C-alpha atoms as a PDB file:
ATOM      1  CA  MET A   1      84.434 131.696 311.592  1.00  0.00           C
ATOM      2  CA  VAL A   2      86.071 129.826 308.736  1.00  0.00           C
ATOM      3  CA  LYS A   3      84.908 131.154 305.392  1.00  0.00           C
ATOM      4  CA  LYS A   4      83.440 128.367 303.293  1.00  0.00           C
ATOM      5  CA  GLU A   5      85.164 128.038 299.944  1.00  0.00           C
ATOM      6  CA  LYS A   6      82.918 128.616 296.960  1.00  0.00           C
ATOM      7  CA  ILE A   7      82.255 125.698 294.653  1.00  0.00           C
ATOM      8  CA  ARG A   8      83.857 126.348 291.279  1.00  0.00           C
ATOM      9  CA  SER A   9      81.503 126.227 288.297  1.00  0.00           C
ATOM     10  CA  LYS A  10      83.923 123.862 286.527  1.00  0.00           C
ATOM     11  CA  ASP A  11      83.782 121.389 289.409  1.00  0.00           C
ATOM     12  CA  ALA A  12      79.998 121.593 289.611  1.00  0.00           C
ATOM     13  CA  GLY A  13      79.776 120.999 285.872  1.00  0.00           C
ATOM     14  CA  LEU A  14      81.971 117.907 286.081  1.00  0.00           C
ATOM     15  CA  GLU A  15      79.964 116.507 288.971  1.00  0.00           C
ATOM     16  CA  LEU A  16      76.692 117.077 287.117  1.00  0.00           C
ATOM     17  CA  GLY A  17      78.247 115.562 284.007  1.00  0.00           C
ATOM     18  CA  LEU A  18      79.115 112.416 285.920  1.00  0.00           C
ATOM     19  CA  LEU A  19      75.539 112.020 287.157  1.00  0.00           C
ATOM     20  CA  ILE A  20      74.206 112.395 283.593  1.00  0.00           C
ATOM     21  CA  ALA A  21      76.819 109.969 282.230  1.00  0.00           C
ATOM     22  CA  GLN A  22      76.056 107.364 284.873  1.00  0.00           C
ATOM     23  CA  TYR A  23      72.279 107.549 284.544  1.00  0.00           C
ATOM     24  CA  PHE A  24      71.731 108.070 280.812  1.00  0.00           C
ATOM     25  CA  PHE A  25      74.763 106.426 279.199  1.00  0.00           C
ATOM     26  CA  ASP A  26      75.894 103.760 281.696  1.00  0.00           C
ATOM     27  CA  THR A  27      79.439 105.138 281.743  1.00  0.00           C
ATOM     28  CA  GLU A  28      81.770 106.393 284.464  1.00  0.00           C
ATOM     29  CA  HIS A  29      83.870 108.498 282.086  1.00  0.00           C
ATOM     30  CA  LEU A  30      83.634 112.277 281.747  1.00  0.00           C
ATOM     31  CA  HIS A  31      85.811 112.707 278.653  1.00  0.00           C
ATOM     32  CA  TYR A  32      84.985 112.923 274.961  1.00  0.00           C
ATOM     33  CA  GLY A  33      84.631 109.780 272.921  1.00  0.00           C
ATOM     34  CA  ILE A  34      86.764 108.786 269.955  1.00  0.00           C
ATOM     35  CA  TRP A  35      84.548 107.648 267.080  1.00  0.00           C
ATOM     36  CA  PRO A  36      86.291 105.296 264.650  1.00  0.00           C
ATOM     37  CA  GLU A  37      84.887 104.775 261.183  1.00  0.00           C
ATOM     38  CA  GLY A  38      81.873 102.471 261.336  1.00  0.00           C
ATOM     39  CA  LEU A  39      80.711 103.391 264.847  1.00  0.00           C
ATOM     40  CA  ASP A  40      77.283 105.026 264.547  1.00  0.00           C
ATOM     41  CA  VAL A  41      77.123 108.442 266.197  1.00  0.00           C
ATOM     42  CA  LYS A  42      74.275 107.736 268.591  1.00  0.00           C
ATOM     43  CA  PRO A  43      73.896 108.261 272.354  1.00  0.00           C
ATOM     44  CA  ILE A  44      73.821 104.501 272.864  1.00  0.00           C
ATOM     45  CA  ASN A  45      77.403 104.311 271.535  1.00  0.00           C
ATOM     46  CA  ILE A  46      78.904 107.029 273.760  1.00  0.00           C
ATOM     47  CA  LYS A  47      80.221 104.439 276.202  1.00  0.00           C
ATOM     48  CA  LYS A  48      81.931 102.513 273.404  1.00  0.00           C
ATOM     49  CA  ALA A  49      83.448 105.706 271.969  1.00  0.00           C
ATOM     50  CA  GLN A  50      84.797 106.613 275.403  1.00  0.00           C
ATOM     51  CA  GLU A  51      86.312 103.144 275.696  1.00  0.00           C
ATOM     52  CA  TYR A  52      88.154 103.763 272.399  1.00  0.00           C
ATOM     53  CA  HIS A  53      89.441 107.000 273.948  1.00  0.00           C
ATOM     54  CA  SER A  54      90.742 105.152 277.004  1.00  0.00           C
ATOM     55  CA  GLN A  55      92.285 102.404 274.894  1.00  0.00           C
ATOM     56  CA  LEU A  56      94.290 104.958 272.921  1.00  0.00           C
ATOM     57  CA  ILE A  57      95.800 106.147 276.199  1.00  0.00           C
ATOM     58  CA  LEU A  58      96.595 102.614 277.319  1.00  0.00           C
ATOM     59  CA  ASP A  59      98.223 101.882 273.952  1.00  0.00           C
ATOM     60  CA  SER A  60     100.323 105.066 274.191  1.00  0.00           C
ATOM     61  CA  VAL A  61     101.910 104.421 277.587  1.00  0.00           C
ATOM     62  CA  PRO A  62     105.650 104.074 276.827  1.00  0.00           C
ATOM     63  CA  GLU A  63     107.478 100.845 277.465  1.00  0.00           C
ATOM     64  CA  GLY A  64     109.144 100.728 280.859  1.00  0.00           C
ATOM     65  CA  VAL A  65     106.547 102.877 282.631  1.00  0.00           C
ATOM     66  CA  LYS A  66     105.552 101.429 285.993  1.00  0.00           C
ATOM     67  CA  THR A  67     104.117 104.372 287.933  1.00  0.00           C
ATOM     68  CA  ILE A  68     101.528 106.882 286.675  1.00  0.00           C
ATOM     69  CA  LEU A  69     100.072 110.075 288.135  1.00  0.00           C
ATOM     70  CA  ASP A  70      96.624 110.693 286.645  1.00  0.00           C
ATOM     71  CA  VAL A  71      96.058 114.458 286.897  1.00  0.00           C
ATOM     72  CA  GLY A  72      92.381 115.348 287.159  1.00  0.00           C
ATOM     73  CA  GLY A  73      91.331 111.741 287.362  1.00  0.00           C
ATOM     74  CA  GLY A  74      87.672 112.264 286.377  1.00  0.00           C
ATOM     75  CA  SER A  75      85.685 109.778 288.415  1.00  0.00           C
ATOM     76  CA  GLY A  76      88.500 107.217 288.442  1.00  0.00           C
ATOM     77  CA  GLY A  77      87.438 105.059 285.496  1.00  0.00           C
ATOM     78  CA  LEU A  78      90.686 105.513 283.558  1.00  0.00           C
ATOM     79  CA  ALA A  79      92.850 104.994 286.645  1.00  0.00           C
ATOM     80  CA  GLN A  80      90.931 101.802 287.351  1.00  0.00           C
ATOM     81  CA  ASN A  81      91.654 100.558 283.816  1.00  0.00           C
ATOM     82  CA  LEU A  82      95.333 101.407 284.134  1.00  0.00           C
ATOM     83  CA  ILE A  83      95.603  99.540 287.432  1.00  0.00           C
ATOM     84  CA  GLN A  84      93.901  96.504 285.923  1.00  0.00           C
ATOM     85  CA  LYS A  85      96.589  96.496 283.227  1.00  0.00           C
ATOM     86  CA  GLY A  86      99.323  96.347 285.852  1.00  0.00           C
ATOM     87  CA  TRP A  87     100.435  99.953 286.370  1.00  0.00           C
ATOM     88  CA  ASP A  88     100.702 101.603 289.782  1.00  0.00           C
ATOM     89  CA  VAL A  89      98.468 104.680 289.655  1.00  0.00           C
ATOM     90  CA  ASP A  90      97.856 107.669 291.909  1.00  0.00           C
ATOM     91  CA  CYS A  91      95.471 110.533 291.113  1.00  0.00           C
ATOM     92  CA  VAL A  92      95.073 114.259 291.748  1.00  0.00           C
ATOM     93  CA  SER A  93      91.598 115.811 291.892  1.00  0.00           C
ATOM     94  CA  PRO A  94      90.496 119.358 292.810  1.00  0.00           C
ATOM     95  CA  SER A  95      86.894 118.217 293.325  1.00  0.00           C
ATOM     96  CA  GLU A  96      86.068 116.650 296.694  1.00  0.00           C
ATOM     97  CA  TYR A  97      83.085 114.857 295.186  1.00  0.00           C
ATOM     98  CA  LEU A  98      85.086 113.344 292.313  1.00  0.00           C
ATOM     99  CA  ALA A  99      88.046 112.573 294.588  1.00  0.00           C
ATOM    100  CA  ASP A 100      85.695 110.508 296.745  1.00  0.00           C
ATOM    101  CA  GLU A 101      84.449 108.704 293.617  1.00  0.00           C
ATOM    102  CA  ILE A 102      88.046 107.907 292.623  1.00  0.00           C
ATOM    103  CA  GLU A 103      88.877 106.545 296.068  1.00  0.00           C
ATOM    104  CA  ILE A 104      85.860 104.239 295.917  1.00  0.00           C
ATOM    105  CA  LYS A 105      86.958 102.863 292.538  1.00  0.00           C
ATOM    106  CA  LEU A 106      90.607 102.464 293.460  1.00  0.00           C
ATOM    107  CA  ASN A 107      89.658 100.711 296.708  1.00  0.00           C
ATOM    108  CA  GLY A 108      93.017 101.320 298.343  1.00  0.00           C
ATOM    109  CA  LYS A 109      95.091 100.420 295.266  1.00  0.00           C
ATOM    110  CA  GLY A 110      96.204 104.005 294.649  1.00  0.00           C
ATOM    111  CA  TYR A 111      96.503 107.296 296.511  1.00  0.00           C
ATOM    112  CA  VAL A 112      94.316 110.302 295.711  1.00  0.00           C
ATOM    113  CA  TYR A 113      95.740 113.792 296.251  1.00  0.00           C
ATOM    114  CA  HIS A 114      92.985 116.314 297.015  1.00  0.00           C
ATOM    115  CA  GLY A 115      93.586 119.710 295.416  1.00  0.00           C
ATOM    116  CA  LYS A 116      94.824 121.437 292.292  1.00  0.00           C
ATOM    117  CA  PHE A 117      97.808 119.741 290.678  1.00  0.00           C
ATOM    118  CA  GLU A 118      99.886 122.924 290.498  1.00  0.00           C
ATOM    119  CA  ASP A 119      99.395 123.689 294.211  1.00  0.00           C
ATOM    120  CA  THR A 120      99.280 120.251 295.829  1.00  0.00           C
ATOM    121  CA  HIS A 121     102.302 118.866 297.671  1.00  0.00           C
ATOM    122  CA  ILE A 122     103.287 115.599 296.011  1.00  0.00           C
ATOM    123  CA  ASP A 123     106.186 113.792 297.639  1.00  0.00           C
ATOM    124  CA  LYS A 124     106.657 111.075 295.005  1.00  0.00           C
ATOM    125  CA  GLN A 125     108.073 110.858 291.501  1.00  0.00           C
ATOM    126  CA  TYR A 126     106.367 109.043 288.623  1.00  0.00           C
ATOM    127  CA  ASP A 127     107.317 107.525 285.289  1.00  0.00           C
ATOM    128  CA  LEU A 128     104.325 109.120 283.525  1.00  0.00           C
ATOM    129  CA  ILE A 129     102.286 112.251 284.250  1.00  0.00           C
ATOM    130  CA  LEU A 130      98.924 111.893 282.507  1.00  0.00           C
ATOM    131  CA  PHE A 131      96.472 114.646 281.568  1.00  0.00           C
ATOM    132  CA  SER A 132      93.280 113.197 280.083  1.00  0.00           C
ATOM    133  CA  GLU A 133      91.131 116.269 279.334  1.00  0.00           C
ATOM    134  CA  SER A 134      92.525 117.959 282.419  1.00  0.00           C
ATOM    135  CA  PHE A 135      95.328 119.971 280.814  1.00  0.00           C
ATOM    136  CA  GLN A 136      92.779 122.590 279.724  1.00  0.00           C
ATOM    137  CA  TYR A 137      92.202 123.463 283.406  1.00  0.00           C
ATOM    138  CA  MET A 138      95.896 123.904 284.225  1.00  0.00           C
ATOM    139  CA  ARG A 139      97.914 127.072 284.614  1.00  0.00           C
ATOM    140  CA  ILE A 140     100.280 125.894 281.915  1.00  0.00           C
ATOM    141  CA  ARG A 141     103.670 127.099 283.123  1.00  0.00           C
ATOM    142  CA  ASP A 142     102.931 126.172 286.738  1.00  0.00           C
ATOM    143  CA  ALA A 143     101.716 122.744 285.648  1.00  0.00           C
ATOM    144  CA  LEU A 144     104.796 122.062 283.508  1.00  0.00           C
ATOM    145  CA  LYS A 145     107.110 123.076 286.353  1.00  0.00           C
ATOM    146  CA  LYS A 146     105.181 120.682 288.581  1.00  0.00           C
ATOM    147  CA  VAL A 147     105.559 117.920 285.983  1.00  0.00           C
ATOM    148  CA  GLN A 148     109.323 118.400 286.152  1.00  0.00           C
ATOM    149  CA  SER A 149     109.330 118.163 289.945  1.00  0.00           C
ATOM    150  CA  VAL A 150     107.228 114.977 290.175  1.00  0.00           C
ATOM    151  CA  SER A 151     108.771 113.088 287.235  1.00  0.00           C
ATOM    152  CA  ASN A 152     111.356 110.374 287.569  1.00  0.00           C
ATOM    153  CA  GLU A 153     114.558 110.686 285.568  1.00  0.00           C
ATOM    154  CA  ASN A 154     113.642 110.219 281.886  1.00  0.00           C
ATOM    155  CA  GLY A 155     109.980 110.425 282.802  1.00  0.00           C
ATOM    156  CA  ASN A 156     107.099 111.042 280.412  1.00  0.00           C
ATOM    157  CA  MET A 157     104.117 113.356 280.042  1.00  0.00           C
ATOM    158  CA  LEU A 158     100.996 112.412 278.083  1.00  0.00           C
ATOM    159  CA  ILE A 159      98.362 115.015 277.204  1.00  0.00           C
ATOM    160  CA  PHE A 160      95.080 113.910 275.598  1.00  0.00           C
ATOM    161  CA  ASP A 161      92.953 117.033 275.294  1.00  0.00           C
ATOM    162  CA  TYR A 162      91.481 119.630 272.979  1.00  0.00           C
ATOM    163  CA  PHE A 163      92.824 123.099 272.297  1.00  0.00           C
ATOM    164  CA  THR A 164      91.417 126.233 270.658  1.00  0.00           C
ATOM    165  CA  LEU A 165      92.782 127.239 267.258  1.00  0.00           C
ATOM    166  CA  GLU A 166      93.664 130.926 267.407  1.00  0.00           C
ATOM    167  CA  SER A 167      93.983 131.069 263.618  1.00  0.00           C
ATOM    168  CA  SER A 168      90.279 130.250 263.138  1.00  0.00           C
ATOM    169  CA  GLY A 169      89.018 133.376 264.891  1.00  0.00           C
ATOM    170  CA  LYS A 170      87.037 133.561 268.126  1.00  0.00           C
ATOM    171  CA  SER A 171      85.660 130.151 269.030  1.00  0.00           C
ATOM    172  CA  PRO A 172      81.944 130.010 269.861  1.00  0.00           C
ATOM    173  CA  ILE A 173      82.619 126.794 271.807  1.00  0.00           C
ATOM    174  CA  GLY A 174      84.282 127.268 275.186  1.00  0.00           C
ATOM    175  CA  GLY A 175      87.126 125.297 276.727  1.00  0.00           C
ATOM    176  CA  GLY A 176      90.669 124.443 275.770  1.00  0.00           C
ATOM    177  CA  HIS A 177      93.885 126.434 275.951  1.00  0.00           C
ATOM    178  CA  LYS A 178      94.971 128.249 272.809  1.00  0.00           C
ATOM    179  CA  TRP A 179      96.875 125.758 270.677  1.00  0.00           C
ATOM    180  CA  GLU A 180      99.581 128.037 269.294  1.00  0.00           C
ATOM    181  CA  THR A 181     100.190 129.676 272.676  1.00  0.00           C
ATOM    182  CA  SER A 182     100.357 126.300 274.430  1.00  0.00           C
ATOM    183  CA  GLN A 183     102.925 125.026 271.944  1.00  0.00           C
ATOM    184  CA  LYS A 184     105.046 128.136 272.439  1.00  0.00           C
ATOM    185  CA  ILE A 185     105.022 127.685 276.212  1.00  0.00           C
ATOM    186  CA  LEU A 186     105.821 123.986 275.909  1.00  0.00           C
ATOM    187  CA  SER A 187     108.817 124.852 273.727  1.00  0.00           C
ATOM    188  CA  GLU A 188     110.261 126.822 276.667  1.00  0.00           C
ATOM    189  CA  PHE A 189     110.661 123.570 278.619  1.00  0.00           C
ATOM    190  CA  PRO A 190     113.188 120.799 277.942  1.00  0.00           C
ATOM    191  CA  PHE A 191     110.537 118.290 276.879  1.00  0.00           C
ATOM    192  CA  GLU A 192     111.081 116.117 273.818  1.00  0.00           C
ATOM    193  CA  LEU A 193     107.982 115.529 271.685  1.00  0.00           C
ATOM    194  CA  ILE A 194     107.619 111.803 270.976  1.00  0.00           C
ATOM    195  CA  MET A 195     104.063 111.590 269.593  1.00  0.00           C
ATOM    196  CA  ASN A 196     101.570 114.068 268.179  1.00  0.00           C
ATOM    197  CA  LYS A 197      98.298 112.536 266.932  1.00  0.00           C
ATOM    198  CA  ASP A 198      95.550 114.769 265.572  1.00  0.00           C
ATOM    199  CA  LEU A 199      92.216 113.127 266.479  1.00  0.00           C
ATOM    200  CA  THR A 200      89.969 116.145 265.970  1.00  0.00           C
ATOM    201  CA  LYS A 201      87.680 114.513 263.394  1.00  0.00           C
ATOM    202  CA  GLU A 202      87.347 111.384 265.526  1.00  0.00           C
ATOM    203  CA  ALA A 203      86.420 113.416 268.625  1.00  0.00           C
ATOM    204  CA  ALA A 204      84.088 115.901 266.907  1.00  0.00           C
ATOM    205  CA  PRO A 205      80.963 113.653 266.858  1.00  0.00           C
ATOM    206  CA  THR A 206      80.815 113.924 270.656  1.00  0.00           C
ATOM    207  CA  GLN A 207      80.286 117.666 270.262  1.00  0.00           C
ATOM    208  CA  ALA A 208      77.415 116.989 267.868  1.00  0.00           C
ATOM    209  CA  LEU A 209      75.762 114.713 270.446  1.00  0.00           C
ATOM    210  CA  LEU A 210      76.211 117.366 273.136  1.00  0.00           C
ATOM    211  CA  GLY A 211      74.485 119.823 270.827  1.00  0.00           C
ATOM    212  CA  GLN A 212      71.607 117.433 270.250  1.00  0.00           C
ATOM    213  CA  PHE A 213      71.239 116.893 273.990  1.00  0.00           C
ATOM    214  CA  ALA A 214      71.130 120.665 274.518  1.00  0.00           C
ATOM    215  CA  ASN A 215      68.551 121.174 271.749  1.00  0.00           C
ATOM    216  CA  TYR A 216      66.208 118.285 272.492  1.00  0.00           C
ATOM    217  CA  VAL A 217      66.521 117.802 276.263  1.00  0.00           C
ATOM    218  CA  ALA A 218      68.223 120.642 278.149  1.00  0.00           C
ATOM    219  CA  ASP A 219      66.664 123.555 276.259  1.00  0.00           C
ATOM    220  CA  PRO A 220      63.031 122.380 276.502  1.00  0.00           C
ATOM    221  CA  GLY A 221      63.631 121.418 280.130  1.00  0.00           C
ATOM    222  CA  ARG A 222      64.972 124.825 281.118  1.00  0.00           C
ATOM    223  CA  LYS A 223      62.094 126.552 279.337  1.00  0.00           C
ATOM    224  CA  ILE A 224      59.513 124.462 281.195  1.00  0.00           C
ATOM    225  CA  ILE A 225      61.190 125.193 284.526  1.00  0.00           C
ATOM    226  CA  GLY A 226      61.520 128.873 283.621  1.00  0.00           C
ATOM    227  CA  GLU A 227      57.835 129.191 282.767  1.00  0.00           C
ATOM    228  CA  TYR A 228      56.872 127.527 286.039  1.00  0.00           C
ATOM    229  CA  LEU A 229      59.113 129.800 288.118  1.00  0.00           C
ATOM    230  CA  ASN A 230      57.953 132.903 286.221  1.00  0.00           C
ATOM    231  CA  SER A 231      54.333 132.086 286.946  1.00  0.00           C
ATOM    232  CA  HIS A 232      54.904 131.445 290.660  1.00  0.00           C
ATOM    233  CA  TYR A 233      57.752 133.845 291.528  1.00  0.00           C
ATOM    234  CA  PRO A 234      57.682 136.650 288.923  1.00  0.00           C
ATOM    235  CA  LYS A 235      59.450 139.275 291.063  1.00  0.00           C
ATOM    236  CA  ILE A 236      62.290 136.966 292.066  1.00  0.00           C
ATOM    237  CA  MET A 237      62.739 135.779 288.474  1.00  0.00           C
ATOM    238  CA  SER A 238      62.795 139.339 287.139  1.00  0.00           C
ATOM    239  CA  PHE A 239      65.505 140.231 289.640  1.00  0.00           C
ATOM    240  CA  LEU A 240      67.584 137.145 288.793  1.00  0.00           C
ATOM    241  CA  LYS A 241      67.298 137.809 285.059  1.00  0.00           C
ATOM    242  CA  TRP A 242      68.533 141.371 285.616  1.00  0.00           C
ATOM    243  CA  LYS A 243      71.279 140.360 288.025  1.00  0.00           C
ATOM    244  CA  MET A 244      72.576 137.488 285.872  1.00  0.00           C
ATOM    245  CA  ALA A 245      71.906 138.969 282.439  1.00  0.00           C
ATOM    246  CA  LYS A 246      75.485 138.617 281.169  1.00  0.00           C
ATOM    247  CA  ARG A 247      75.818 135.085 282.509  1.00  0.00           C
ATOM    248  CA  ILE A 248      72.499 134.030 280.993  1.00  0.00           C
ATOM    249  CA  LEU A 249      73.476 135.541 277.638  1.00  0.00           C
ATOM    250  CA  LYS A 250      76.761 133.629 277.658  1.00  0.00           C
ATOM    251  CA  ILE A 251      74.991 130.329 278.437  1.00  0.00           C
ATOM    252  CA  GLU A 252      72.400 131.029 275.735  1.00  0.00           C
ATOM    253  CA  LYS A 253      75.106 131.673 273.156  1.00  0.00           C
ATOM    254  CA  GLU A 254      77.350 128.742 274.062  1.00  0.00           C
ATOM    255  CA  TYR A 255      74.827 125.999 274.709  1.00  0.00           C
ATOM    256  CA  PHE A 256      71.491 126.887 273.100  1.00  0.00           C
ATOM    257  CA  SER A 257      72.287 128.690 269.837  1.00  0.00           C
ATOM    258  CA  GLY A 258      72.811 125.587 267.703  1.00  0.00           C
ATOM    259  CA  ILE A 259      76.592 126.056 267.397  1.00  0.00           C
ATOM    260  CA  GLN A 260      77.569 122.798 269.100  1.00  0.00           C
ATOM    261  CA  THR A 261      78.163 120.806 265.944  1.00  0.00           C
ATOM    262  CA  ALA A 262      80.947 118.553 264.709  1.00  0.00           C
ATOM    263  CA  GLU A 263      81.747 121.076 261.965  1.00  0.00           C
ATOM    264  CA  THR A 264      82.124 123.958 264.411  1.00  0.00           C
ATOM    265  CA  PHE A 265      84.342 121.827 266.642  1.00  0.00           C
ATOM    266  CA  ILE A 266      86.617 120.879 263.734  1.00  0.00           C
ATOM    267  CA  LYS A 267      86.900 124.516 262.635  1.00  0.00           C
ATOM    268  CA  HIS A 268      87.786 125.966 266.028  1.00  0.00           C
ATOM    269  CA  LYS A 269      89.361 123.116 268.025  1.00  0.00           C
ATOM    270  CA  THR A 270      92.141 120.604 267.667  1.00  0.00           C
ATOM    271  CA  TYR A 271      92.048 117.383 269.702  1.00  0.00           C
ATOM    272  CA  ARG A 272      95.541 116.006 270.297  1.00  0.00           C
ATOM    273  CA  LEU A 273      97.304 113.061 271.849  1.00  0.00           C
ATOM    274  CA  LEU A 274     100.718 114.402 272.808  1.00  0.00           C
ATOM    275  CA  LEU A 275     103.511 112.356 274.362  1.00  0.00           C
ATOM    276  CA  TYR A 276     106.665 114.001 275.694  1.00  0.00           C
ATOM    277  CA  LYS A 277     109.866 112.757 277.225  1.00  0.00           C
ATOM    278  CA  VAL A 278     110.592 114.858 280.320  1.00  0.00           C
ATOM    279  CA  THR A 279     114.308 115.554 280.009  1.00  0.00           C
END
């Protein structure tokens, strides 16, 4: 009997995030938004902020690039935009659900590799390897070696993602490779840094909105469901609370303790647009 592979919590979270984004915010994007001065930080503007994020990527694609490999790919919204602007785009996605979403959007105009970027066989070379909030999921050295192997001569790598600042102490907000460590590893590779934009303050309002969603929607919802289950299945709930005590505590601390604010994000994270020449 073939053992069924477990669904990773990261993949499940992304899939759930897409459903929430589609239903509540009329957007196909899973990434943070970039909030320029003058754009009100309200849920109704999340789609517009995400479009600013995508536009920054489009504006940063170097001249002469024709082929792009979108690593992670989200649900395919960014790849779709890139194709509409005239680039040839393929994607890599470790999530079967999201890979199917990408294939629907690309409609035969690009190939989708199913699997983790570091481990997937890719038999083509590209002018640009793109990580839009997917670099944080990579095994850094393995990913950078892969970038070298799938890049054309004088290719490029663009990373648009957030990192954790080690100098600020332990971050109460999860996600993101350590910034200083990542930079040290990158320096081991023959990549030339072309662009380094710090967009932490512009990305931080998204974290504030996530915190508000947790406080005003997710937290009351989980409490209502919890009370219902406790009243109907007390023994099962007691067992689950004991069995998953550490996991529950971690979720409580990260999502429901009021720490998801723009100020906390700015203190502990740095959101960067990094462009490298792969030499």
